[in-house]
């Protein structure tokens, strides 16, 4: 049994990590660390765990095997390195960190101490992403050449997510998941990166609109678009292939039932199922696709299987490092207005 401790008890720590960890066979939610006394009290009451006021005190506890960082993005590198140097395995919430240099330092520390390092990309088990992945694998739209992956919302980010120095900006929150999807879906290196960020509407410095355009060496064009100033929605996915296309509205349905205490109760609005348009027997047909039912529980089950059984890690730190290299290029593009040539 692996004893896990979560650092941070805000929304991510409270609703995601401390909920999902105990659902994995072989993992035990052992402790929570937070500087906030009220949150320590809440964690003890809600989760029945030991609590610590500092990560330094937590790391002295020899019963702790795994540290999960549910803290602002700009703290991930420092805290992860500290934990790994103390001999602990580490999971960071996404984004992994703030840049590729930090990612390199984290990976080096993991290897030097022979401990596991992973990033919480639970959205590899989103229903919509898995459905798009299956449609492509089944050849329903032919070779894909253009993707739009979009999150449109209205309302400013709260707390540290609205502070660029702590969060990294608008592309580092939802964008971390959407970029991870892109790098999983397209089997090719990225050769050009362009990014635009607009600052409107809210008195925040993280941006209210961002667009990231990836040019892959195999010719695929992949657009990631995010806004917190959108009064009108767009499709979550729009994908063109050589013989067909896909359109999909709506977000993965797991979060709301998870917050209410039963992630397995997730259901999807049938009207939001993906639709594929392709030619069948000489006629263009619209095919409604049943969503692939993923489960965010799979992330921590994999972590348990890695640590208890020697299984292969599903979300490798090198994959997250690749995303950080693209972020470095994207931020340079946003600052200069130029398209950045890369080989990532």
Foldseek 3Di string as FASTA:
>chain_A
DAEEEEEDCDCCNPQPDLLLQVVAPQYDDAEYEDLDPVSRVVCCVVRVHHYHNDVVVVLVDPRHAEYEYPFFQQCQLVSLLVSLVSVHAYEYEPPNHQFLVSLVSNVVSCVVSVHHYFYQLLCVQFQVLVQVLVCVVVCVQAAWAEKEAEDEAADADDDPCLACSRHVADCGPVVLNVVLSVPVRDPFWWFKKAKAFAADDDPGDRGFKMWIWTQGPVNHIYIYIYGNHDPDDDFNMWIHHPFKIKTFHDTRFQRVVSSVPCSVPGDDDQVRFMWMWGDDPRRTDIDGDDTDRGDSSVQSNQVSCCVPPVDDHPGHSVSSSSVSNSVVQHVVNNVPVDMDTDGD
